[in-house]
Structure formats: C-alpha cells, structure tokens
C-alpha atoms as a PDB file:
ATOM      1  CA  MET A   1      -2.174   7.865 -29.283  1.00  0.00           C
ATOM      2  CA  PRO A   2      -1.438   4.164 -28.618  1.00  0.00           C
ATOM      3  CA  VAL A   3       1.362   3.403 -26.208  1.00  0.00           C
ATOM      4  CA  HIS A   4       4.480   1.766 -27.596  1.00  0.00           C
ATOM      5  CA  HIS A   5       4.586  -2.026 -27.392  1.00  0.00           C
ATOM      6  CA  PRO A   6       7.377  -4.492 -28.115  1.00  0.00           C
ATOM      7  CA  THR A   7       7.725  -5.593 -31.742  1.00  0.00           C
ATOM      8  CA  THR A   8      10.315  -8.361 -31.385  1.00  0.00           C
ATOM      9  CA  THR A   9       9.020  -9.984 -28.209  1.00  0.00           C
ATOM     10  CA  GLY A  10       5.614 -10.592 -26.736  1.00  0.00           C
ATOM     11  CA  TYR A  11       2.654 -12.748 -27.680  1.00  0.00           C
ATOM     12  CA  GLY A  12       2.546 -11.890 -31.373  1.00  0.00           C
ATOM     13  CA  GLN A  13      -1.237 -11.693 -31.558  1.00  0.00           C
ATOM     14  CA  TYR A  14      -3.209  -8.829 -33.061  1.00  0.00           C
ATOM     15  CA  CYS A  15      -5.541  -8.420 -30.108  1.00  0.00           C
ATOM     16  CA  PRO A  16      -5.847  -5.520 -27.625  1.00  0.00           C
ATOM     17  CA  ILE A  17      -5.529  -7.884 -24.659  1.00  0.00           C
ATOM     18  CA  SER A  18      -2.351  -9.357 -26.123  1.00  0.00           C
ATOM     19  CA  ARG A  19      -0.962  -5.887 -26.805  1.00  0.00           C
ATOM     20  CA  ALA A  20      -1.736  -4.819 -23.224  1.00  0.00           C
ATOM     21  CA  LEU A  21       0.031  -7.867 -21.825  1.00  0.00           C
ATOM     22  CA  ASP A  22       3.060  -7.130 -23.994  1.00  0.00           C
ATOM     23  CA  VAL A  23       3.382  -3.909 -21.953  1.00  0.00           C
ATOM     24  CA  LEU A  24       2.070  -5.016 -18.546  1.00  0.00           C
ATOM     25  CA  GLY A  25       2.537  -8.773 -18.342  1.00  0.00           C
ATOM     26  CA  ASP A  26       6.061  -8.982 -16.913  1.00  0.00           C
ATOM     27  CA  ARG A  27       6.669  -9.989 -13.288  1.00  0.00           C
ATOM     28  CA  TRP A  28       6.322  -7.086 -10.801  1.00  0.00           C
ATOM     29  CA  SER A  29       4.935  -4.706 -13.425  1.00  0.00           C
ATOM     30  CA  LEU A  30       1.446  -4.406 -11.958  1.00  0.00           C
ATOM     31  CA  LEU A  31       2.690  -3.987  -8.390  1.00  0.00           C
ATOM     32  CA  ILE A  32       5.030  -1.188  -9.462  1.00  0.00           C
ATOM     33  CA  LEU A  33       2.117   0.472 -11.227  1.00  0.00           C
ATOM     34  CA  ARG A  34      -0.059  -0.050  -8.127  1.00  0.00           C
ATOM     35  CA  ASP A  35       2.419   1.940  -6.042  1.00  0.00           C
ATOM     36  CA  LEU A  36       2.765   4.629  -8.703  1.00  0.00           C
ATOM     37  CA  LEU A  37      -1.014   4.990  -8.774  1.00  0.00           C
ATOM     38  CA  LEU A  38      -1.036   5.343  -4.984  1.00  0.00           C
ATOM     39  CA  GLY A  39       1.356   8.281  -5.187  1.00  0.00           C
ATOM     40  CA  THR A  40       4.827   6.788  -4.780  1.00  0.00           C
ATOM     41  CA  ALA A  41       7.059   8.592  -7.253  1.00  0.00           C
ATOM     42  CA  ARG A  42      10.704   8.285  -6.187  1.00  0.00           C
ATOM     43  CA  PHE A  43      12.889   5.299  -6.985  1.00  0.00           C
ATOM     44  CA  ASN A  44      14.022   4.646  -3.404  1.00  0.00           C
ATOM     45  CA  ASP A  45      10.449   4.801  -2.129  1.00  0.00           C
ATOM     46  CA  LEU A  46       9.295   2.380  -4.809  1.00  0.00           C
ATOM     47  CA  ALA A  47      12.130   0.023  -3.857  1.00  0.00           C
ATOM     48  CA  ARG A  48      11.265   0.229  -0.166  1.00  0.00           C
ATOM     49  CA  GLY A  49       7.628  -0.605  -0.835  1.00  0.00           C
ATOM     50  CA  LEU A  50       8.572  -3.617  -2.992  1.00  0.00           C
ATOM     51  CA  PRO A  51      11.170  -5.401  -0.842  1.00  0.00           C
ATOM     52  CA  GLY A  52      11.198  -8.594  -2.918  1.00  0.00           C
ATOM     53  CA  LEU A  53      12.106  -6.697  -6.082  1.00  0.00           C
ATOM     54  CA  SER A  54      15.758  -6.099  -6.943  1.00  0.00           C
ATOM     55  CA  ARG A  55      16.767  -2.542  -7.703  1.00  0.00           C
ATOM     56  CA  SER A  56      18.133  -3.615 -11.088  1.00  0.00           C
ATOM     57  CA  LEU A  57      14.802  -5.139 -12.100  1.00  0.00           C
ATOM     58  CA  LEU A  58      12.932  -2.091 -10.803  1.00  0.00           C
ATOM     59  CA  THR A  59      15.158   0.083 -13.003  1.00  0.00           C
ATOM     60  CA  LYS A  60      14.433  -2.172 -15.987  1.00  0.00           C
ATOM     61  CA  ARG A  61      10.675  -2.071 -15.451  1.00  0.00           C
ATOM     62  CA  LEU A  62      10.603   1.710 -15.050  1.00  0.00           C
ATOM     63  CA  ARG A  63      12.554   2.099 -18.287  1.00  0.00           C
ATOM     64  CA  GLN A  64      10.064  -0.202 -19.985  1.00  0.00           C
ATOM     65  CA  PHE A  65       7.218   1.954 -18.700  1.00  0.00           C
ATOM     66  CA  GLU A  66       8.946   5.094 -19.957  1.00  0.00           C
ATOM     67  CA  ARG A  67       9.399   3.605 -23.429  1.00  0.00           C
ATOM     68  CA  ALA A  68       5.787   2.440 -23.415  1.00  0.00           C
ATOM     69  CA  GLY A  69       4.570   5.926 -22.516  1.00  0.00           C
ATOM     70  CA  LEU A  70       3.098   4.981 -19.127  1.00  0.00           C
ATOM     71  CA  VAL A  71       5.444   7.127 -17.027  1.00  0.00           C
ATOM     72  CA  GLU A  72       7.755  10.077 -17.506  1.00  0.00           C
ATOM     73  CA  LYS A  73      10.702  10.963 -15.318  1.00  0.00           C
ATOM     74  CA  LEU A  74      10.787  14.563 -14.117  1.00  0.00           C
ATOM     75  CA  SER A  75      13.100  15.961 -11.420  1.00  0.00           C
ATOM     76  CA  GLY A  76      13.911  12.493 -10.126  1.00  0.00           C
ATOM     77  CA  GLN A  77      10.269  11.417  -9.922  1.00  0.00           C
ATOM     78  CA  TYR A  78       8.390   8.863 -11.989  1.00  0.00           C
ATOM     79  CA  LEU A  79       5.041  10.387 -12.883  1.00  0.00           C
ATOM     80  CA  LEU A  80       2.200   8.581 -14.591  1.00  0.00           C
ATOM     81  CA  THR A  81       1.029   9.801 -17.955  1.00  0.00           C
ATOM     82  CA  ASN A  82      -2.636   9.754 -18.968  1.00  0.00           C
ATOM     83  CA  ALA A  83      -2.087   6.225 -20.274  1.00  0.00           C
ATOM     84  CA  GLY A  84      -0.658   5.164 -16.922  1.00  0.00           C
ATOM     85  CA  ARG A  85      -3.438   6.754 -14.904  1.00  0.00           C
ATOM     86  CA  ASP A  86      -6.031   5.022 -17.059  1.00  0.00           C
ATOM     87  CA  LEU A  87      -4.845   1.737 -15.532  1.00  0.00           C
ATOM     88  CA  GLU A  88      -6.363   2.615 -12.128  1.00  0.00           C
ATOM     89  CA  PRO A  89      -9.782   0.971 -12.642  1.00  0.00           C
ATOM     90  CA  ILE A  90      -8.091  -2.097 -14.146  1.00  0.00           C
ATOM     91  CA  LEU A  91      -5.691  -2.573 -11.238  1.00  0.00           C
ATOM     92  CA  PHE A  92      -8.308  -1.968  -8.577  1.00  0.00           C
ATOM     93  CA  GLY A  93     -10.696  -4.192 -10.501  1.00  0.00           C
ATOM     94  CA  LEU A  94      -8.087  -6.927 -10.094  1.00  0.00           C
ATOM     95  CA  GLY A  95      -7.988  -6.088  -6.394  1.00  0.00           C
ATOM     96  CA  GLU A  96     -11.748  -6.451  -6.118  1.00  0.00           C
ATOM     97  CA  TRP A  97     -11.677  -9.780  -7.957  1.00  0.00           C
ATOM     98  CA  GLY A  98      -8.812 -10.983  -5.771  1.00  0.00           C
ATOM     99  CA  ALA A  99     -10.659 -10.000  -2.608  1.00  0.00           C
ATOM    100  CA  ARG A 100     -13.637 -12.082  -3.632  1.00  0.00           C
ATOM    101  CA  TRP A 101     -11.959 -15.144  -5.129  1.00  0.00           C
ATOM    102  CA  THR A 102      -8.351 -15.527  -3.968  1.00  0.00           C
ATOM    103  CA  PHE A 103      -7.930 -13.807  -0.630  1.00  0.00           C
ATOM    104  CA  GLY A 104      -7.945 -15.938   2.511  1.00  0.00           C
ATOM    105  CA  ASP A 105      -5.820 -16.154   5.625  1.00  0.00           C
ATOM    106  CA  PRO A 106      -2.243 -14.935   5.202  1.00  0.00           C
ATOM    107  CA  GLU A 107       0.760 -17.155   4.766  1.00  0.00           C
ATOM    108  CA  PRO A 108       3.464 -16.530   7.397  1.00  0.00           C
ATOM    109  CA  GLU A 109       5.913 -15.230   4.790  1.00  0.00           C
ATOM    110  CA  GLU A 110       3.370 -12.611   3.703  1.00  0.00           C
ATOM    111  CA  LEU A 111       3.309 -10.893   7.104  1.00  0.00           C
ATOM    112  CA  ASP A 112       6.125  -8.367   6.768  1.00  0.00           C
ATOM    113  CA  ALA A 113       6.017  -5.897   9.662  1.00  0.00           C
ATOM    114  CA  ALA A 114       8.303  -3.352   8.012  1.00  0.00           C
ATOM    115  CA  LEU A 115       6.293  -3.375   4.796  1.00  0.00           C
ATOM    116  CA  LEU A 116       3.026  -2.954   6.695  1.00  0.00           C
ATOM    117  CA  VAL A 117       4.329   0.125   8.522  1.00  0.00           C
ATOM    118  CA  TRP A 118       5.618   1.495   5.211  1.00  0.00           C
ATOM    119  CA  TRP A 119       2.198   1.046   3.626  1.00  0.00           C
ATOM    120  CA  MET A 120       0.473   2.621   6.610  1.00  0.00           C
ATOM    121  CA  HIS A 121       2.644   5.728   6.803  1.00  0.00           C
ATOM    122  CA  ASN A 122       1.357   7.190   3.536  1.00  0.00           C
ATOM    123  CA  ARG A 123      -2.268   6.818   4.632  1.00  0.00           C
ATOM    124  CA  LEU A 124      -2.169   8.706   7.931  1.00  0.00           C
ATOM    125  CA  ASP A 125      -4.253  11.780   8.661  1.00  0.00           C
ATOM    126  CA  THR A 126      -2.808  13.504  11.733  1.00  0.00           C
ATOM    127  CA  SER A 127      -4.507  16.824  10.989  1.00  0.00           C
ATOM    128  CA  LYS A 128      -6.405  16.655  14.303  1.00  0.00           C
ATOM    129  CA  PHE A 129      -3.151  16.379  16.268  1.00  0.00           C
ATOM    130  CA  PRO A 130      -1.587  19.589  17.597  1.00  0.00           C
ATOM    131  CA  GLY A 131       1.802  20.932  16.565  1.00  0.00           C
ATOM    132  CA  LYS A 132       3.877  20.687  13.422  1.00  0.00           C
ATOM    133  CA  ARG A 133       5.340  17.264  14.227  1.00  0.00           C
ATOM    134  CA  GLN A 134       3.544  14.098  15.281  1.00  0.00           C
ATOM    135  CA  VAL A 135       5.213  10.808  16.177  1.00  0.00           C
ATOM    136  CA  LEU A 136       3.514   7.430  16.268  1.00  0.00           C
ATOM    137  CA  GLY A 137       5.329   4.455  17.731  1.00  0.00           C
ATOM    138  CA  VAL A 138       4.500   0.993  16.404  1.00  0.00           C
ATOM    139  CA  ARG A 139       5.230  -1.930  18.700  1.00  0.00           C
ATOM    140  CA  PHE A 140       4.484  -5.466  17.577  1.00  0.00           C
ATOM    141  CA  THR A 141       3.978  -8.124  20.236  1.00  0.00           C
ATOM    142  CA  ASP A 142       5.419 -10.856  17.992  1.00  0.00           C
ATOM    143  CA  GLU A 143       8.142  -8.912  16.183  1.00  0.00           C
ATOM    144  CA  PRO A 144      11.307  -7.638  17.917  1.00  0.00           C
ATOM    145  CA  ARG A 145      11.791  -4.638  15.657  1.00  0.00           C
ATOM    146  CA  ARG A 146      10.312  -1.298  16.647  1.00  0.00           C
ATOM    147  CA  PHE A 147       9.120   1.358  14.234  1.00  0.00           C
ATOM    148  CA  TRP A 148       8.313   5.041  14.424  1.00  0.00           C
ATOM    149  CA  ILE A 149       6.276   7.100  11.987  1.00  0.00           C
ATOM    150  CA  VAL A 150       7.229  10.777  12.056  1.00  0.00           C
ATOM    151  CA  VAL A 151       4.869  13.276  10.438  1.00  0.00           C
ATOM    152  CA  GLU A 152       6.363  16.732   9.946  1.00  0.00           C
ATOM    153  CA  PHE A 153       4.263  19.431   8.292  1.00  0.00           C
ATOM    154  CA  GLY A 154       2.017  16.693   6.950  1.00  0.00           C
ATOM    155  CA  VAL A 155       4.858  14.639   5.397  1.00  0.00           C
ATOM    156  CA  ALA A 156       5.326  11.177   6.908  1.00  0.00           C
ATOM    157  CA  SER A 157       8.503   9.114   7.140  1.00  0.00           C
ATOM    158  CA  VAL A 158       9.299   5.739   8.710  1.00  0.00           C
ATOM    159  CA  CYS A 159      12.166   5.151  11.144  1.00  0.00           C
ATOM    160  CA  ASP A 160      13.426   1.788  12.392  1.00  0.00           C
ATOM    161  CA  ALA A 161      15.597   3.498  15.019  1.00  0.00           C
ATOM    162  CA  ASP A 162      14.333   5.867  17.701  1.00  0.00           C
ATOM    163  CA  PRO A 163      14.210   9.328  16.075  1.00  0.00           C
ATOM    164  CA  GLY A 164      14.597  10.972  19.478  1.00  0.00           C
ATOM    165  CA  TYR A 165      11.265  12.808  19.478  1.00  0.00           C
ATOM    166  CA  PRO A 166       8.515  12.359  22.081  1.00  0.00           C
ATOM    167  CA  VAL A 167       5.974   9.743  20.979  1.00  0.00           C
ATOM    168  CA  ASP A 168       2.405  11.014  20.823  1.00  0.00           C
ATOM    169  CA  VAL A 169       0.661   7.648  20.482  1.00  0.00           C
ATOM    170  CA  THR A 170       1.975   4.073  20.530  1.00  0.00           C
ATOM    171  CA  ILE A 171       0.193   1.438  18.448  1.00  0.00           C
ATOM    172  CA  THR A 172       0.538  -2.075  19.899  1.00  0.00           C
ATOM    173  CA  ALA A 173      -0.629  -5.198  18.064  1.00  0.00           C
ATOM    174  CA  ASP A 174       0.549  -8.490  16.697  1.00  0.00           C
ATOM    175  CA  VAL A 175       1.573  -8.279  13.048  1.00  0.00           C
ATOM    176  CA  GLY A 176      -1.317 -10.367  11.755  1.00  0.00           C
ATOM    177  CA  SER A 177      -3.981  -8.359  13.576  1.00  0.00           C
ATOM    178  CA  LEU A 178      -2.685  -5.025  12.347  1.00  0.00           C
ATOM    179  CA  TYR A 179      -2.584  -6.409   8.800  1.00  0.00           C
ATOM    180  CA  GLN A 180      -6.194  -7.547   9.160  1.00  0.00           C
ATOM    181  CA  VAL A 181      -7.245  -4.106  10.393  1.00  0.00           C
ATOM    182  CA  TRP A 182      -5.277  -2.298   7.684  1.00  0.00           C
ATOM    183  CA  LEU A 183      -6.855  -4.436   4.968  1.00  0.00           C
ATOM    184  CA  GLY A 184     -10.379  -4.061   6.299  1.00  0.00           C
ATOM    185  CA  ARG A 185     -10.895  -7.705   7.269  1.00  0.00           C
ATOM    186  CA  LEU A 186     -10.975  -6.904  11.005  1.00  0.00           C
ATOM    187  CA  PRO A 187     -12.990  -3.848  12.084  1.00  0.00           C
ATOM    188  CA  LEU A 188     -10.824  -1.586  14.223  1.00  0.00           C
ATOM    189  CA  PRO A 189     -13.468  -1.131  16.995  1.00  0.00           C
ATOM    190  CA  HIS A 190     -13.637  -4.917  17.387  1.00  0.00           C
ATOM    191  CA  ALA A 191      -9.832  -5.183  17.419  1.00  0.00           C
ATOM    192  CA  ILE A 192      -9.684  -2.564  20.177  1.00  0.00           C
ATOM    193  CA  ARG A 193     -12.440  -4.211  22.255  1.00  0.00           C
ATOM    194  CA  THR A 194     -10.746  -7.603  22.068  1.00  0.00           C
ATOM    195  CA  GLY A 195      -7.276  -6.231  22.829  1.00  0.00           C
ATOM    196  CA  ARG A 196      -5.785  -7.164  19.472  1.00  0.00           C
ATOM    197  CA  VAL A 197      -4.906  -3.516  18.814  1.00  0.00           C
ATOM    198  CA  GLU A 198      -4.148  -0.965  21.528  1.00  0.00           C
ATOM    199  CA  PHE A 199      -3.445   2.767  21.413  1.00  0.00           C
ATOM    200  CA  THR A 200      -1.432   4.225  24.269  1.00  0.00           C
ATOM    201  CA  GLY A 201      -1.101   7.938  24.901  1.00  0.00           C
ATOM    202  CA  PRO A 202      -3.178  10.959  25.957  1.00  0.00           C
ATOM    203  CA  SER A 203      -6.878  10.281  25.497  1.00  0.00           C
ATOM    204  CA  ALA A 204      -7.185  13.567  23.599  1.00  0.00           C
ATOM    205  CA  LEU A 205      -5.058  11.924  20.894  1.00  0.00           C
ATOM    206  CA  THR A 206      -5.913   8.224  21.126  1.00  0.00           C
ATOM    207  CA  ARG A 207      -9.595   8.885  20.541  1.00  0.00           C
ATOM    208  CA  HIS A 208      -8.708  10.233  17.098  1.00  0.00           C
ATOM    209  CA  MET A 209      -6.732   7.160  16.047  1.00  0.00           C
ATOM    210  CA  PRO A 210      -9.594   5.436  14.162  1.00  0.00           C
ATOM    211  CA  ALA A 211      -9.666   8.507  11.895  1.00  0.00           C
ATOM    212  CA  VAL A 212      -5.868   8.863  11.777  1.00  0.00           C
ATOM    213  CA  LEU A 213      -5.364   5.304  10.494  1.00  0.00           C
ATOM    214  CA  ARG A 214      -6.948   5.502   7.088  1.00  0.00           C
ATOM    215  CA  LEU A 215      -7.096   1.975   5.762  1.00  0.00           C
ATOM    216  CA  SER A 216      -5.636   0.406   2.639  1.00  0.00           C
ATOM    217  CA  PRO A 217      -7.201   1.519  -0.652  1.00  0.00           C
ATOM    218  CA  VAL A 218      -8.326  -2.104  -1.146  1.00  0.00           C
ATOM    219  CA  ALA A 219      -9.997  -2.287   2.279  1.00  0.00           C
ATOM    220  CA  PRO A 220     -13.496  -1.596   0.877  1.00  0.00           C
ATOM    221  CA  TYR A 221     -13.200  -4.745  -1.230  1.00  0.00           C
ATOM    222  CA  LEU A 222     -12.294  -6.825   1.833  1.00  0.00           C
ATOM    223  CA  ASP A 223     -15.123  -5.666   4.075  1.00  0.00           C
ATOM    224  CA  PRO A 224     -16.738  -8.985   5.114  1.00  0.00           C
ATOM    225  CA  SER A 225     -20.264  -7.596   4.826  1.00  0.00           C
ATOM    226  CA  ARG A 226     -19.585  -6.368   1.291  1.00  0.00           C
ATOM    227  CA  ILE A 227     -18.078  -9.685   0.209  1.00  0.00           C
ATOM    228  CA  ASP A 228     -21.105 -11.538   1.618  1.00  0.00           C
ATOM    229  CA  ALA A 229     -23.480  -9.180  -0.205  1.00  0.00           C
ATOM    230  CA  VAL A 230     -21.688  -9.714  -3.519  1.00  0.00           C
ATOM    231  CA  ALA A 231     -21.709 -13.488  -2.998  1.00  0.00           C
ATOM    232  CA  ASN A 232     -25.430 -13.446  -2.234  1.00  0.00           C
ATOM    233  CA  ARG A 233     -26.168 -11.490  -5.402  1.00  0.00           C
ATOM    234  CA  ALA A 234     -24.149 -13.988  -7.427  1.00  0.00           C
ATOM    235  CA  SER A 235     -25.851 -17.045  -5.959  1.00  0.00           C
END
C-alpha cells in the first residue's frame, strides 16, 4: 500500500521521485531516518545523536513519518515499518555516492567529540571482555571534555562525568584522528603505529580493541583502496 503523502503542499508533480521527496525532502528527515535505520528508537536518543536539531522539529518530523506510514510509535519507541526499512539501500546508496564525490577533509565545526563518542558507543563489541560491566574511557588530546562508555550486560551508555567505575581501557586520540579511524579513512593499525590513537590498559584487553571498536556503517564506502578501485573502473 502506498505511503501517505501531502496533498496541499509538496512539488505537485505526478512522478514517483516527486512523491518520495514530498515525504522525505524536508531538512533533517534523512538523518533522522539514518539513525532509525541504525537502531535508535527513543526520542531522547535520537535528539542526542542529532545535536543540531531542535526537539520541536524532531517531534514534527517524527509525526510526519508516522502520518506517512514510515514509523509507528510503540511503548515510547519509534519503530520503522516495512516502508521505512525499505529506505535502507537508498540512504546507504547516498552514503556511498557521498563518499566518492563529496567527502574530503573535515571542516572544524564538523568535529564534534561528544557526537563521535555517541556514535561509537552503539557499535562496540565488548563480548571478549570479562565480567558483566566494561568501562572504556575516551580522552581527547585536543578537547578538554572527558567521556566514559559504560557497557552493562551488553547495553552501552555514554557518560560525560566519571561514573565511578574502574576503567578497563582508555582510548587516547585527537578528535580528528579518531573520526578518521571511525569512518574508515585511517586504518586503525596505522593510527596505532603512528601514535595517533593509543589504548591504555591491561594487554589482555587492549589487544582486543581493534575488534571492540566496530567502525561506522559507512566505513566500507570510505576505505581508500575501495574508492580508488571504483575510480579506476569509472575512468
């Protein structure tokens, strides 16, 4: 069944692309859907992962998605419908295109330490660490704020004040380097060898960190060797 689309606003063209943009073309819409596709379901978590978006506009967009049939709200969570989930290849196709054609060095205002740690915390795999609680400290060499990622029974949370638990491993890097690693532009082994990223803690734990830090879902598109291969095929 087609999703609902606006009848009094929009582009007013009888075309499937136009109809799709009537639903998806507003500012912030695709980034909200990106986070929903990556598993964020609660309003406060969506807001925290989109710090430039006002809570009032987030509310408006989520209501638009509900009316359009992309999400449904159940027990305080925004869950994608089949129509919403079908957007995954489109959104990640945009990511692949952006990696090839628009993605260069970061602008200073794009390097948000708190947002990076928030993105990272949902992609950790601490299953090789002992115990029911694991704590990772994140210390940036060019950012005064400190962060802690606490994983309890496999559920991760981010703290910007010391949670009071012993730290298993501390990650030390400058903000830009950790972004580059997270996005797949800087291989982690190279970052470690050159001192741009450092893991401090018992060797029994630090040796697992390359597996613990699962990279961004768009990292495969930003692998330099892959981008070069695609460019060579196109030339």
